[in-house]
Amino acid sequence: MAPTHATATLSSSGHAGDESALVAIKAKFSSHSGVMDSWNQSTSYCSWEGVTCSRRHRWRVVALDLSSQGLAGTISPAIGNLTFLRSLNLSINTLQGEIPPSIGPSGASRALT
């Protein structure tokens, strides 16, 4: 039980912002593939499907790969709260709307096609 308690303590001590951002991202997506089923609080967000956390900064999300997962919806602006994110792959899904300015070049307005 101690490792579970330590995990909960570490994840809630300052890096809960990454988990909150991922929950907000999930809320904007719908999926028929079940990929988002692992995105729940029964496990650490670093073990959620498609999520990679840093080895150096253990509770920081550095990559998000949800390509070819049958996702629909829009990209939440909360994705910009993943401040350690270095790789994002949402290709081959049916996302709509604009790419949030929080992840694109400032001043650029780009639409998803």
PDB file of N, CA and C in Angstrom:
ATOM      1  N   MET A   1       0.802  -1.197   0.000  1.00  0.00           N
ATOM      2  CA  MET A   1       0.000   0.000   0.000  1.00  0.00           C
ATOM      3  C   MET A   1       0.845   1.261   0.000  1.00  0.00           C
ATOM      4  N   ALA A   2       2.006   1.230   0.600  1.00  0.00           N
ATOM      5  CA  ALA A   2       2.837   2.432   0.685  1.00  0.00           C
ATOM      6  C   ALA A   2       3.173   3.008  -0.681  1.00  0.00           C
ATOM      7  N   PRO A   3       3.541   2.178  -1.707  1.00  0.00           N
ATOM      8  CA  PRO A   3       3.834   2.764  -3.020  1.00  0.00           C
ATOM      9  C   PRO A   3       2.633   3.491  -3.610  1.00  0.00           C
ATOM     10  N   THR A   4       1.434   2.965  -3.411  1.00  0.00           N
ATOM     11  CA  THR A   4       0.246   3.629  -3.927  1.00  0.00           C
ATOM     12  C   THR A   4       0.071   4.987  -3.260  1.00  0.00           C
ATOM     13  N   HIS A   5       0.257   5.034  -1.950  1.00  0.00           N
ATOM     14  CA  HIS A   5       0.142   6.304  -1.220  1.00  0.00           C
ATOM     15  C   HIS A   5       1.193   7.290  -1.693  1.00  0.00           C
ATOM     16  N   ALA A   6       2.431   6.818  -1.880  1.00  0.00           N
ATOM     17  CA  ALA A   6       3.508   7.698  -2.347  1.00  0.00           C
ATOM     18  C   ALA A   6       3.200   8.232  -3.733  1.00  0.00           C
ATOM     19  N   THR A   7       2.661   7.385  -4.600  1.00  0.00           N
ATOM     20  CA  THR A   7       2.304   7.818  -5.949  1.00  0.00           C
ATOM     21  C   THR A   7       1.243   8.909  -5.890  1.00  0.00           C
ATOM     22  N   ALA A   8       0.227   8.692  -5.085  1.00  0.00           N
ATOM     23  CA  ALA A   8      -0.844   9.686  -4.976  1.00  0.00           C
ATOM     24  C   ALA A   8      -0.297  11.000  -4.429  1.00  0.00           C
ATOM     25  N   THR A   9       0.599  10.915  -3.458  1.00  0.00           N
ATOM     26  CA  THR A   9       1.165  12.123  -2.875  1.00  0.00           C
ATOM     27  C   THR A   9       1.992  12.880  -3.896  1.00  0.00           C
ATOM     28  N   LEU A  10       2.840  12.178  -4.637  1.00  0.00           N
ATOM     29  CA  LEU A  10       3.678  12.835  -5.629  1.00  0.00           C
ATOM     30  C   LEU A  10       2.858  13.462  -6.739  1.00  0.00           C
ATOM     31  N   SER A  11       1.846  12.741  -7.217  1.00  0.00           N
ATOM     32  CA  SER A  11       1.080  13.264  -8.340  1.00  0.00           C
ATOM     33  C   SER A  11       0.223  14.457  -7.955  1.00  0.00           C
ATOM     34  N   SER A  12      -0.115  14.566  -6.690  1.00  0.00           N
ATOM     35  CA  SER A  12      -0.949  15.696  -6.292  1.00  0.00           C
ATOM     36  C   SER A  12      -0.129  16.854  -5.740  1.00  0.00           C
ATOM     37  N   SER A  13       1.197  16.698  -5.663  1.00  0.00           N
ATOM     38  CA  SER A  13       2.012  17.746  -5.054  1.00  0.00           C
ATOM     39  C   SER A  13       2.648  18.654  -6.093  1.00  0.00           C
ATOM     40  N   GLY A  14       1.834  19.367  -6.842  1.00  0.00           N
ATOM     41  CA  GLY A  14       2.380  20.358  -7.755  1.00  0.00           C
ATOM     42  C   GLY A  14       2.278  19.988  -9.219  1.00  0.00           C
ATOM     43  N   HIS A  15       2.089  18.715  -9.526  1.00  0.00           N
ATOM     44  CA  HIS A  15       1.999  18.332 -10.929  1.00  0.00           C
ATOM     45  C   HIS A  15       0.593  17.861 -11.273  1.00  0.00           C
ATOM     46  N   ALA A  16      -0.338  18.138 -10.386  1.00  0.00           N
ATOM     47  CA  ALA A  16      -1.733  17.800 -10.650  1.00  0.00           C
ATOM     48  C   ALA A  16      -2.236  18.570 -11.861  1.00  0.00           C
ATOM     49  N   GLY A  17      -1.530  19.647 -12.234  1.00  0.00           N
ATOM     50  CA  GLY A  17      -1.907  20.414 -13.411  1.00  0.00           C
ATOM     51  C   GLY A  17      -1.856  19.585 -14.676  1.00  0.00           C
ATOM     52  N   ASP A  18      -0.881  18.669 -14.775  1.00  0.00           N
ATOM     53  CA  ASP A  18      -0.805  17.801 -15.945  1.00  0.00           C
ATOM     54  C   ASP A  18      -2.006  16.863 -15.988  1.00  0.00           C
ATOM     55  N   GLU A  19      -2.351  16.282 -14.854  1.00  0.00           N
ATOM     56  CA  GLU A  19      -3.508  15.391 -14.823  1.00  0.00           C
ATOM     57  C   GLU A  19      -4.793  16.162 -15.143  1.00  0.00           C
ATOM     58  N   SER A  20      -4.936  17.346 -14.584  1.00  0.00           N
ATOM     59  CA  SER A  20      -6.127  18.165 -14.858  1.00  0.00           C
ATOM     60  C   SER A  20      -6.223  18.514 -16.340  1.00  0.00           C
ATOM     61  N   ALA A  21      -5.078  18.835 -16.951  1.00  0.00           N
ATOM     62  CA  ALA A  21      -5.065  19.146 -18.383  1.00  0.00           C
ATOM     63  C   ALA A  21      -5.502  17.929 -19.197  1.00  0.00           C
ATOM     64  N   LEU A  22      -5.010  16.754 -18.843  1.00  0.00           N
ATOM     65  CA  LEU A  22      -5.386  15.538 -19.571  1.00  0.00           C
ATOM     66  C   LEU A  22      -6.879  15.244 -19.420  1.00  0.00           C
ATOM     67  N   VAL A  23      -7.426  15.451 -18.241  1.00  0.00           N
ATOM     68  CA  VAL A  23      -8.863  15.241 -18.017  1.00  0.00           C
ATOM     69  C   VAL A  23      -9.677  16.214 -18.878  1.00  0.00           C
ATOM     70  N   ALA A  24      -9.215  17.467 -18.971  1.00  0.00           N
ATOM     71  CA  ALA A  24      -9.906  18.460 -19.810  1.00  0.00           C
ATOM     72  C   ALA A  24      -9.805  18.090 -21.286  1.00  0.00           C
ATOM     73  N   ILE A  25      -8.661  17.546 -21.694  1.00  0.00           N
ATOM     74  CA  ILE A  25      -8.476  17.102 -23.084  1.00  0.00           C
ATOM     75  C   ILE A  25      -9.442  15.954 -23.379  1.00  0.00           C
ATOM     76  N   LYS A  26      -9.523  15.005 -22.474  1.00  0.00           N
ATOM     77  CA  LYS A  26     -10.430  13.864 -22.650  1.00  0.00           C
ATOM     78  C   LYS A  26     -11.878  14.327 -22.787  1.00  0.00           C
ATOM     79  N   ALA A  27     -12.258  15.337 -22.025  1.00  0.00           N
ATOM     80  CA  ALA A  27     -13.645  15.823 -22.036  1.00  0.00           C
ATOM     81  C   ALA A  27     -14.056  16.360 -23.405  1.00  0.00           C
ATOM     82  N   LYS A  28     -13.112  16.806 -24.211  1.00  0.00           N
ATOM     83  CA  LYS A  28     -13.417  17.362 -25.536  1.00  0.00           C
ATOM     84  C   LYS A  28     -13.423  16.294 -26.635  1.00  0.00           C
ATOM     85  N   PHE A  29     -12.947  15.098 -26.313  1.00  0.00           N
ATOM     86  CA  PHE A  29     -12.867  14.015 -27.303  1.00  0.00           C
ATOM     87  C   PHE A  29     -13.982  13.005 -27.088  1.00  0.00           C
ATOM     88  N   SER A  30     -14.402  12.399 -28.177  1.00  0.00           N
ATOM     89  CA  SER A  30     -15.227  11.199 -28.094  1.00  0.00           C
ATOM     90  C   SER A  30     -14.492  10.134 -28.895  1.00  0.00           C
ATOM     91  N   SER A  31     -14.630   8.908 -28.462  1.00  0.00           N
ATOM     92  CA  SER A  31     -13.911   7.821 -29.123  1.00  0.00           C
ATOM     93  C   SER A  31     -14.731   6.553 -29.092  1.00  0.00           C
ATOM     94  N   HIS A  32     -14.717   5.860 -30.203  1.00  0.00           N
ATOM     95  CA  HIS A  32     -15.394   4.567 -30.258  1.00  0.00           C
ATOM     96  C   HIS A  32     -14.394   3.433 -30.085  1.00  0.00           C
ATOM     97  N   SER A  33     -13.091   3.761 -30.031  1.00  0.00           N
ATOM     98  CA  SER A  33     -12.063   2.733 -29.951  1.00  0.00           C
ATOM     99  C   SER A  33     -11.785   2.283 -28.526  1.00  0.00           C
ATOM    100  N   GLY A  34     -12.210   3.048 -27.536  1.00  0.00           N
ATOM    101  CA  GLY A  34     -11.948   2.688 -26.149  1.00  0.00           C
ATOM    102  C   GLY A  34     -10.592   3.146 -25.640  1.00  0.00           C
ATOM    103  N   VAL A  35      -9.841   3.890 -26.469  1.00  0.00           N
ATOM    104  CA  VAL A  35      -8.511   4.340 -26.061  1.00  0.00           C
ATOM    105  C   VAL A  35      -8.553   5.182 -24.795  1.00  0.00           C
ATOM    106  N   MET A  36      -9.610   5.929 -24.610  1.00  0.00           N
ATOM    107  CA  MET A  36      -9.694   6.821 -23.461  1.00  0.00           C
ATOM    108  C   MET A  36     -10.159   6.100 -22.185  1.00  0.00           C
ATOM    109  N   ASP A  37     -10.494   4.820 -22.290  1.00  0.00           N
ATOM    110  CA  ASP A  37     -10.955   4.083 -21.119  1.00  0.00           C
ATOM    111  C   ASP A  37      -9.907   4.035 -20.010  1.00  0.00           C
ATOM    112  N   SER A  38      -8.624   3.991 -20.384  1.00  0.00           N
ATOM    113  CA  SER A  38      -7.566   3.931 -19.370  1.00  0.00           C
ATOM    114  C   SER A  38      -7.367   5.276 -18.686  1.00  0.00           C
ATOM    115  N   TRP A  39      -7.967   6.332 -19.249  1.00  0.00           N
ATOM    116  CA  TRP A  39      -7.813   7.678 -18.693  1.00  0.00           C
ATOM    117  C   TRP A  39      -8.784   7.867 -17.538  1.00  0.00           C
ATOM    118  N   ASN A  40      -8.486   7.252 -16.411  1.00  0.00           N
ATOM    119  CA  ASN A  40      -9.309   7.395 -15.221  1.00  0.00           C
ATOM    120  C   ASN A  40      -8.401   7.391 -13.999  1.00  0.00           C
ATOM    121  N   GLN A  41      -8.947   7.747 -12.880  1.00  0.00           N
ATOM    122  CA  GLN A  41      -8.127   7.943 -11.702  1.00  0.00           C
ATOM    123  C   GLN A  41      -7.786   6.659 -10.951  1.00  0.00           C
ATOM    124  N   SER A  42      -8.080   5.494 -11.542  1.00  0.00           N
ATOM    125  CA  SER A  42      -7.703   4.244 -10.890  1.00  0.00           C
ATOM    126  C   SER A  42      -6.215   3.944 -11.083  1.00  0.00           C
ATOM    127  N   THR A  43      -5.575   4.649 -12.029  1.00  0.00           N
ATOM    128  CA  THR A  43      -4.137   4.487 -12.250  1.00  0.00           C
ATOM    129  C   THR A  43      -3.501   5.864 -12.433  1.00  0.00           C
ATOM    130  N   SER A  44      -2.200   5.910 -12.336  1.00  0.00           N
ATOM    131  CA  SER A  44      -1.472   7.163 -12.558  1.00  0.00           C
ATOM    132  C   SER A  44      -1.647   7.609 -13.999  1.00  0.00           C
ATOM    133  N   TYR A  45      -1.800   8.906 -14.209  1.00  0.00           N
ATOM    134  CA  TYR A  45      -1.959   9.414 -15.567  1.00  0.00           C
ATOM    135  C   TYR A  45      -0.745   9.108 -16.433  1.00  0.00           C
ATOM    136  N   CYS A  46       0.402   8.866 -15.827  1.00  0.00           N
ATOM    137  CA  CYS A  46       1.593   8.513 -16.611  1.00  0.00           C
ATOM    138  C   CYS A  46       1.481   7.122 -17.229  1.00  0.00           C
ATOM    139  N   SER A  47       0.512   6.338 -16.787  1.00  0.00           N
ATOM    140  CA  SER A  47       0.308   5.014 -17.377  1.00  0.00           C
ATOM    141  C   SER A  47      -0.895   4.977 -18.315  1.00  0.00           C
ATOM    142  N   TRP A  48      -1.540   6.127 -18.513  1.00  0.00           N
ATOM    143  CA  TRP A  48      -2.674   6.171 -19.428  1.00  0.00           C
ATOM    144  C   TRP A  48      -2.191   5.938 -20.859  1.00  0.00           C
ATOM    145  N   GLU A  49      -3.020   5.289 -21.645  1.00  0.00           N
ATOM    146  CA  GLU A  49      -2.671   4.981 -23.028  1.00  0.00           C
ATOM    147  C   GLU A  49      -2.377   6.258 -23.809  1.00  0.00           C
ATOM    148  N   GLY A  50      -1.230   6.256 -24.487  1.00  0.00           N
ATOM    149  CA  GLY A  50      -0.842   7.390 -25.316  1.00  0.00           C
ATOM    150  C   GLY A  50      -0.096   8.486 -24.579  1.00  0.00           C
ATOM    151  N   VAL A  51       0.025   8.380 -23.259  1.00  0.00           N
ATOM    152  CA  VAL A  51       0.686   9.402 -22.446  1.00  0.00           C
ATOM    153  C   VAL A  51       2.079   8.912 -22.062  1.00  0.00           C
ATOM    154  N   THR A  52       3.083   9.760 -22.262  1.00  0.00           N
ATOM    155  CA  THR A  52       4.440   9.454 -21.833  1.00  0.00           C
ATOM    156  C   THR A  52       4.908  10.562 -20.905  1.00  0.00           C
ATOM    157  N   CYS A  53       5.386  10.162 -19.731  1.00  0.00           N
ATOM    158  CA  CYS A  53       5.925  11.126 -18.779  1.00  0.00           C
ATOM    159  C   CYS A  53       7.450  11.104 -18.827  1.00  0.00           C
ATOM    160  N   SER A  54       8.029  12.198 -18.416  1.00  0.00           N
ATOM    161  CA  SER A  54       9.476  12.369 -18.423  1.00  0.00           C
ATOM    162  C   SER A  54      10.151  11.412 -17.447  1.00  0.00           C
ATOM    163  N   ARG A  55      11.322  10.935 -17.823  1.00  0.00           N
ATOM    164  CA  ARG A  55      12.106  10.123 -16.898  1.00  0.00           C
ATOM    165  C   ARG A  55      12.766  11.006 -15.845  1.00  0.00           C
ATOM    166  N   ARG A  56      13.132  12.191 -16.255  1.00  0.00           N
ATOM    167  CA  ARG A  56      13.820  13.114 -15.345  1.00  0.00           C
ATOM    168  C   ARG A  56      12.844  13.822 -14.396  1.00  0.00           C
ATOM    169  N   HIS A  57      11.735  14.276 -14.931  1.00  0.00           N
ATOM    170  CA  HIS A  57      10.684  14.941 -14.149  1.00  0.00           C
ATOM    171  C   HIS A  57       9.474  14.011 -14.170  1.00  0.00           C
ATOM    172  N   ARG A  58       9.484  13.050 -13.293  1.00  0.00           N
ATOM    173  CA  ARG A  58       8.593  11.886 -13.351  1.00  0.00           C
ATOM    174  C   ARG A  58       7.115  12.146 -13.571  1.00  0.00           C
ATOM    175  N   TRP A  59       6.582  13.227 -13.121  1.00  0.00           N
ATOM    176  CA  TRP A  59       5.143  13.445 -13.209  1.00  0.00           C
ATOM    177  C   TRP A  59       4.775  14.463 -14.268  1.00  0.00           C
ATOM    178  N   ARG A  60       5.695  14.756 -15.167  1.00  0.00           N
ATOM    179  CA  ARG A  60       5.429  15.729 -16.223  1.00  0.00           C
ATOM    180  C   ARG A  60       5.240  15.009 -17.560  1.00  0.00           C
ATOM    181  N   VAL A  61       4.165  15.340 -18.249  1.00  0.00           N
ATOM    182  CA  VAL A  61       3.845  14.729 -19.544  1.00  0.00           C
ATOM    183  C   VAL A  61       4.733  15.356 -20.612  1.00  0.00           C
ATOM    184  N   VAL A  62       5.478  14.501 -21.337  1.00  0.00           N
ATOM    185  CA  VAL A  62       6.364  14.990 -22.389  1.00  0.00           C
ATOM    186  C   VAL A  62       5.890  14.584 -23.785  1.00  0.00           C
ATOM    187  N   ALA A  63       5.007  13.595 -23.865  1.00  0.00           N
ATOM    188  CA  ALA A  63       4.510  13.158 -25.173  1.00  0.00           C
ATOM    189  C   ALA A  63       3.068  12.681 -25.048  1.00  0.00           C
ATOM    190  N   LEU A  64       2.318  12.970 -26.087  1.00  0.00           N
ATOM    191  CA  LEU A  64       0.933  12.531 -26.183  1.00  0.00           C
ATOM    192  C   LEU A  64       0.742  11.995 -27.590  1.00  0.00           C
ATOM    193  N   ASP A  65       0.505  10.689 -27.702  1.00  0.00           N
ATOM    194  CA  ASP A  65       0.341  10.046 -29.001  1.00  0.00           C
ATOM    195  C   ASP A  65      -1.004   9.325 -29.040  1.00  0.00           C
ATOM    196  N   LEU A  66      -1.958   9.956 -29.677  1.00  0.00           N
ATOM    197  CA  LEU A  66      -3.294   9.381 -29.822  1.00  0.00           C
ATOM    198  C   LEU A  66      -3.648   9.249 -31.298  1.00  0.00           C
ATOM    199  N   SER A  67      -2.646   8.982 -32.110  1.00  0.00           N
ATOM    200  CA  SER A  67      -2.876   8.861 -33.548  1.00  0.00           C
ATOM    201  C   SER A  67      -3.703   7.611 -33.862  1.00  0.00           C
ATOM    202  N   SER A  68      -4.514   7.724 -34.895  1.00  0.00           N
ATOM    203  CA  SER A  68      -5.324   6.605 -35.410  1.00  0.00           C
ATOM    204  C   SER A  68      -6.198   5.954 -34.343  1.00  0.00           C
ATOM    205  N   GLN A  69      -6.800   6.763 -33.489  1.00  0.00           N
ATOM    206  CA  GLN A  69      -7.613   6.220 -32.402  1.00  0.00           C
ATOM    207  C   GLN A  69      -9.109   6.466 -32.578  1.00  0.00           C
ATOM    208  N   GLY A  70      -9.504   6.972 -33.737  1.00  0.00           N
ATOM    209  CA  GLY A  70     -10.921   7.210 -33.981  1.00  0.00           C
ATOM    210  C   GLY A  70     -11.501   8.314 -33.112  1.00  0.00           C
ATOM    211  N   LEU A  71     -10.660   9.284 -32.758  1.00  0.00           N
ATOM    212  CA  LEU A  71     -11.119  10.387 -31.915  1.00  0.00           C
ATOM    213  C   LEU A  71     -11.884  11.410 -32.743  1.00  0.00           C
ATOM    214  N   ALA A  72     -12.916  11.964 -32.150  1.00  0.00           N
ATOM    215  CA  ALA A  72     -13.669  13.061 -32.746  1.00  0.00           C
ATOM    216  C   ALA A  72     -13.786  14.141 -31.688  1.00  0.00           C
ATOM    217  N   GLY A  73     -14.063  15.357 -32.134  1.00  0.00           N
ATOM    218  CA  GLY A  73     -14.224  16.464 -31.203  1.00  0.00           C
ATOM    219  C   GLY A  73     -13.227  17.560 -31.495  1.00  0.00           C
ATOM    220  N   THR A  74     -12.888  18.310 -30.467  1.00  0.00           N
ATOM    221  CA  THR A  74     -11.970  19.434 -30.614  1.00  0.00           C
ATOM    222  C   THR A  74     -10.806  19.279 -29.634  1.00  0.00           C
ATOM    223  N   ILE A  75      -9.756  20.042 -29.880  1.00  0.00           N
ATOM    224  CA  ILE A  75      -8.599  20.022 -28.988  1.00  0.00           C
ATOM    225  C   ILE A  75      -8.816  21.079 -27.904  1.00  0.00           C
ATOM    226  N   SER A  76      -8.772  20.647 -26.673  1.00  0.00           N
ATOM    227  CA  SER A  76      -8.981  21.559 -25.547  1.00  0.00           C
ATOM    228  C   SER A  76      -7.805  22.528 -25.416  1.00  0.00           C
ATOM    229  N   PRO A  77      -8.091  23.804 -25.151  1.00  0.00           N
ATOM    230  CA  PRO A  77      -7.012  24.758 -24.885  1.00  0.00           C
ATOM    231  C   PRO A  77      -6.156  24.353 -23.688  1.00  0.00           C
ATOM    232  N   ALA A  78      -6.684  23.466 -22.835  1.00  0.00           N
ATOM    233  CA  ALA A  78      -5.934  22.995 -21.666  1.00  0.00           C
ATOM    234  C   ALA A  78      -4.666  22.252 -22.060  1.00  0.00           C
ATOM    235  N   ILE A  79      -4.565  21.853 -23.320  1.00  0.00           N
ATOM    236  CA  ILE A  79      -3.355  21.167 -23.772  1.00  0.00           C
ATOM    237  C   ILE A  79      -2.117  22.057 -23.576  1.00  0.00           C
ATOM    238  N   GLY A  80      -2.323  23.361 -23.599  1.00  0.00           N
ATOM    239  CA  GLY A  80      -1.230  24.296 -23.364  1.00  0.00           C
ATOM    240  C   GLY A  80      -0.702  24.247 -21.937  1.00  0.00           C
ATOM    241  N   ASN A  81      -1.458  23.651 -21.026  1.00  0.00           N
ATOM    242  CA  ASN A  81      -1.013  23.512 -19.640  1.00  0.00           C
ATOM    243  C   ASN A  81      -0.019  22.377 -19.452  1.00  0.00           C
ATOM    244  N   LEU A  82       0.171  21.575 -20.488  1.00  0.00           N
ATOM    245  CA  LEU A  82       1.191  20.523 -20.443  1.00  0.00           C
ATOM    246  C   LEU A  82       2.518  21.171 -20.836  1.00  0.00           C
ATOM    247  N   THR A  83       3.114  21.886 -19.905  1.00  0.00           N
ATOM    248  CA  THR A  83       4.265  22.747 -20.212  1.00  0.00           C
ATOM    249  C   THR A  83       5.540  21.981 -20.546  1.00  0.00           C
ATOM    250  N   PHE A  84       5.594  20.686 -20.265  1.00  0.00           N
ATOM    251  CA  PHE A  84       6.754  19.872 -20.619  1.00  0.00           C
ATOM    252  C   PHE A  84       6.520  19.103 -21.919  1.00  0.00           C
ATOM    253  N   LEU A  85       5.345  19.256 -22.534  1.00  0.00           N
ATOM    254  CA  LEU A  85       4.995  18.515 -23.742  1.00  0.00           C
ATOM    255  C   LEU A  85       5.942  18.860 -24.888  1.00  0.00           C
ATOM    256  N   ARG A  86       6.564  17.834 -25.456  1.00  0.00           N
ATOM    257  CA  ARG A  86       7.509  18.021 -26.560  1.00  0.00           C
ATOM    258  C   ARG A  86       7.062  17.313 -27.833  1.00  0.00           C
ATOM    259  N   SER A  87       6.132  16.367 -27.702  1.00  0.00           N
ATOM    260  CA  SER A  87       5.671  15.610 -28.862  1.00  0.00           C
ATOM    261  C   SER A  87       4.161  15.419 -28.758  1.00  0.00           C
ATOM    262  N   LEU A  88       3.454  15.787 -29.820  1.00  0.00           N
ATOM    263  CA  LEU A  88       2.007  15.660 -29.872  1.00  0.00           C
ATOM    264  C   LEU A  88       1.623  15.042 -31.198  1.00  0.00           C
ATOM    265  N   ASN A  89       0.954  13.903 -31.160  1.00  0.00           N
ATOM    266  CA  ASN A  89       0.514  13.240 -32.384  1.00  0.00           C
ATOM    267  C   ASN A  89      -0.972  12.918 -32.248  1.00  0.00           C
ATOM    268  N   LEU A  90      -1.767  13.674 -32.980  1.00  0.00           N
ATOM    269  CA  LEU A  90      -3.217  13.458 -33.025  1.00  0.00           C
ATOM    270  C   LEU A  90      -3.664  13.138 -34.452  1.00  0.00           C
ATOM    271  N   SER A  91      -2.729  12.714 -35.277  1.00  0.00           N
ATOM    272  CA  SER A  91      -3.025  12.482 -36.689  1.00  0.00           C
ATOM    273  C   SER A  91      -3.996  11.313 -36.880  1.00  0.00           C
ATOM    274  N   ILE A  92      -4.615  11.322 -38.030  1.00  0.00           N
ATOM    275  CA  ILE A  92      -5.545  10.279 -38.468  1.00  0.00           C
ATOM    276  C   ILE A  92      -6.682  10.081 -37.467  1.00  0.00           C
ATOM    277  N   ASN A  93      -7.289  11.178 -37.084  1.00  0.00           N
ATOM    278  CA  ASN A  93      -8.504  11.225 -36.279  1.00  0.00           C
ATOM    279  C   ASN A  93      -9.445  12.197 -36.980  1.00  0.00           C
ATOM    280  N   THR A  94     -10.637  12.368 -36.480  1.00  0.00           N
ATOM    281  CA  THR A  94     -11.572  13.307 -37.104  1.00  0.00           C
ATOM    282  C   THR A  94     -11.844  14.485 -36.172  1.00  0.00           C
ATOM    283  N   LEU A  95     -10.778  15.186 -35.829  1.00  0.00           N
ATOM    284  CA  LEU A  95     -10.889  16.362 -34.970  1.00  0.00           C
ATOM    285  C   LEU A  95     -11.290  17.558 -35.814  1.00  0.00           C
ATOM    286  N   GLN A  96     -11.995  18.499 -35.187  1.00  0.00           N
ATOM    287  CA  GLN A  96     -12.485  19.679 -35.885  1.00  0.00           C
ATOM    288  C   GLN A  96     -12.127  20.929 -35.099  1.00  0.00           C
ATOM    289  N   GLY A  97     -12.296  22.069 -35.730  1.00  0.00           N
ATOM    290  CA  GLY A  97     -12.079  23.340 -35.047  1.00  0.00           C
ATOM    291  C   GLY A  97     -10.674  23.855 -35.254  1.00  0.00           C
ATOM    292  N   GLU A  98     -10.317  24.822 -34.427  1.00  0.00           N
ATOM    293  CA  GLU A  98      -9.005  25.437 -34.553  1.00  0.00           C
ATOM    294  C   GLU A  98      -8.020  24.814 -33.577  1.00  0.00           C
ATOM    295  N   ILE A  99      -6.758  24.883 -33.960  1.00  0.00           N
ATOM    296  CA  ILE A  99      -5.695  24.465 -33.053  1.00  0.00           C
ATOM    297  C   ILE A  99      -5.568  25.563 -32.000  1.00  0.00           C
ATOM    298  N   PRO A 100      -5.658  25.203 -30.732  1.00  0.00           N
ATOM    299  CA  PRO A 100      -5.594  26.233 -29.689  1.00  0.00           C
ATOM    300  C   PRO A 100      -4.299  27.042 -29.765  1.00  0.00           C
ATOM    301  N   PRO A 101      -4.377  28.349 -29.620  1.00  0.00           N
ATOM    302  CA  PRO A 101      -3.184  29.195 -29.653  1.00  0.00           C
ATOM    303  C   PRO A 101      -2.146  28.778 -28.612  1.00  0.00           C
ATOM    304  N   SER A 102      -2.584  28.122 -27.545  1.00  0.00           N
ATOM    305  CA  SER A 102      -1.657  27.709 -26.491  1.00  0.00           C
ATOM    306  C   SER A 102      -0.641  26.675 -26.970  1.00  0.00           C
ATOM    307  N   ILE A 103      -0.883  26.041 -28.128  1.00  0.00           N
ATOM    308  CA  ILE A 103       0.096  25.074 -28.653  1.00  0.00           C
ATOM    309  C   ILE A 103       0.630  25.459 -30.023  1.00  0.00           C
ATOM    310  N   GLY A 104       0.136  26.547 -30.576  1.00  0.00           N
ATOM    311  CA  GLY A 104       0.605  26.969 -31.892  1.00  0.00           C
ATOM    312  C   GLY A 104       1.413  28.240 -31.797  1.00  0.00           C
ATOM    313  N   PRO A 105       1.997  28.653 -32.924  1.00  0.00           N
ATOM    314  CA  PRO A 105       2.726  29.924 -32.914  1.00  0.00           C
ATOM    315  C   PRO A 105       1.785  31.062 -32.557  1.00  0.00           C
ATOM    316  N   SER A 106       2.258  32.017 -31.773  1.00  0.00           N
ATOM    317  CA  SER A 106       1.390  33.117 -31.367  1.00  0.00           C
ATOM    318  C   SER A 106       0.942  33.933 -32.570  1.00  0.00           C
ATOM    319  N   GLY A 107      -0.298  34.303 -32.507  1.00  0.00           N
ATOM    320  CA  GLY A 107      -0.874  35.109 -33.568  1.00  0.00           C
ATOM    321  C   GLY A 107      -1.368  34.310 -34.750  1.00  0.00           C
ATOM    322  N   ALA A 108      -1.064  33.030 -34.791  1.00  0.00           N
ATOM    323  CA  ALA A 108      -1.480  32.206 -35.923  1.00  0.00           C
ATOM    324  C   ALA A 108      -2.851  31.601 -35.648  1.00  0.00           C
ATOM    325  N   SER A 109      -3.697  31.616 -36.635  1.00  0.00           N
ATOM    326  CA  SER A 109      -4.980  30.969 -36.532  1.00  0.00           C
ATOM    327  C   SER A 109      -4.984  29.840 -37.557  1.00  0.00           C
ATOM    328  N   ARG A 110      -4.988  28.620 -37.054  1.00  0.00           N
ATOM    329  CA  ARG A 110      -4.959  27.467 -37.941  1.00  0.00           C
ATOM    330  C   ARG A 110      -6.153  26.582 -37.653  1.00  0.00           C
ATOM    331  N   ALA A 111      -6.754  26.113 -38.702  1.00  0.00           N
ATOM    332  CA  ALA A 111      -7.914  25.229 -38.540  1.00  0.00           C
ATOM    333  C   ALA A 111      -7.494  23.809 -38.812  1.00  0.00           C
ATOM    334  N   LEU A 112      -8.184  22.871 -38.145  1.00  0.00           N
ATOM    335  CA  LEU A 112      -7.984  21.449 -38.409  1.00  0.00           C
ATOM    336  C   LEU A 112      -8.794  21.094 -39.641  1.00  0.00           C
ATOM    337  N   THR A 113      -8.253  20.220 -40.450  1.00  0.00           N
ATOM    338  CA  THR A 113      -8.989  19.786 -41.635  1.00  0.00           C
ATOM    339  C   THR A 113      -9.328  18.323 -41.560  1.00  0.00           C
TER     340      THR A 113
END
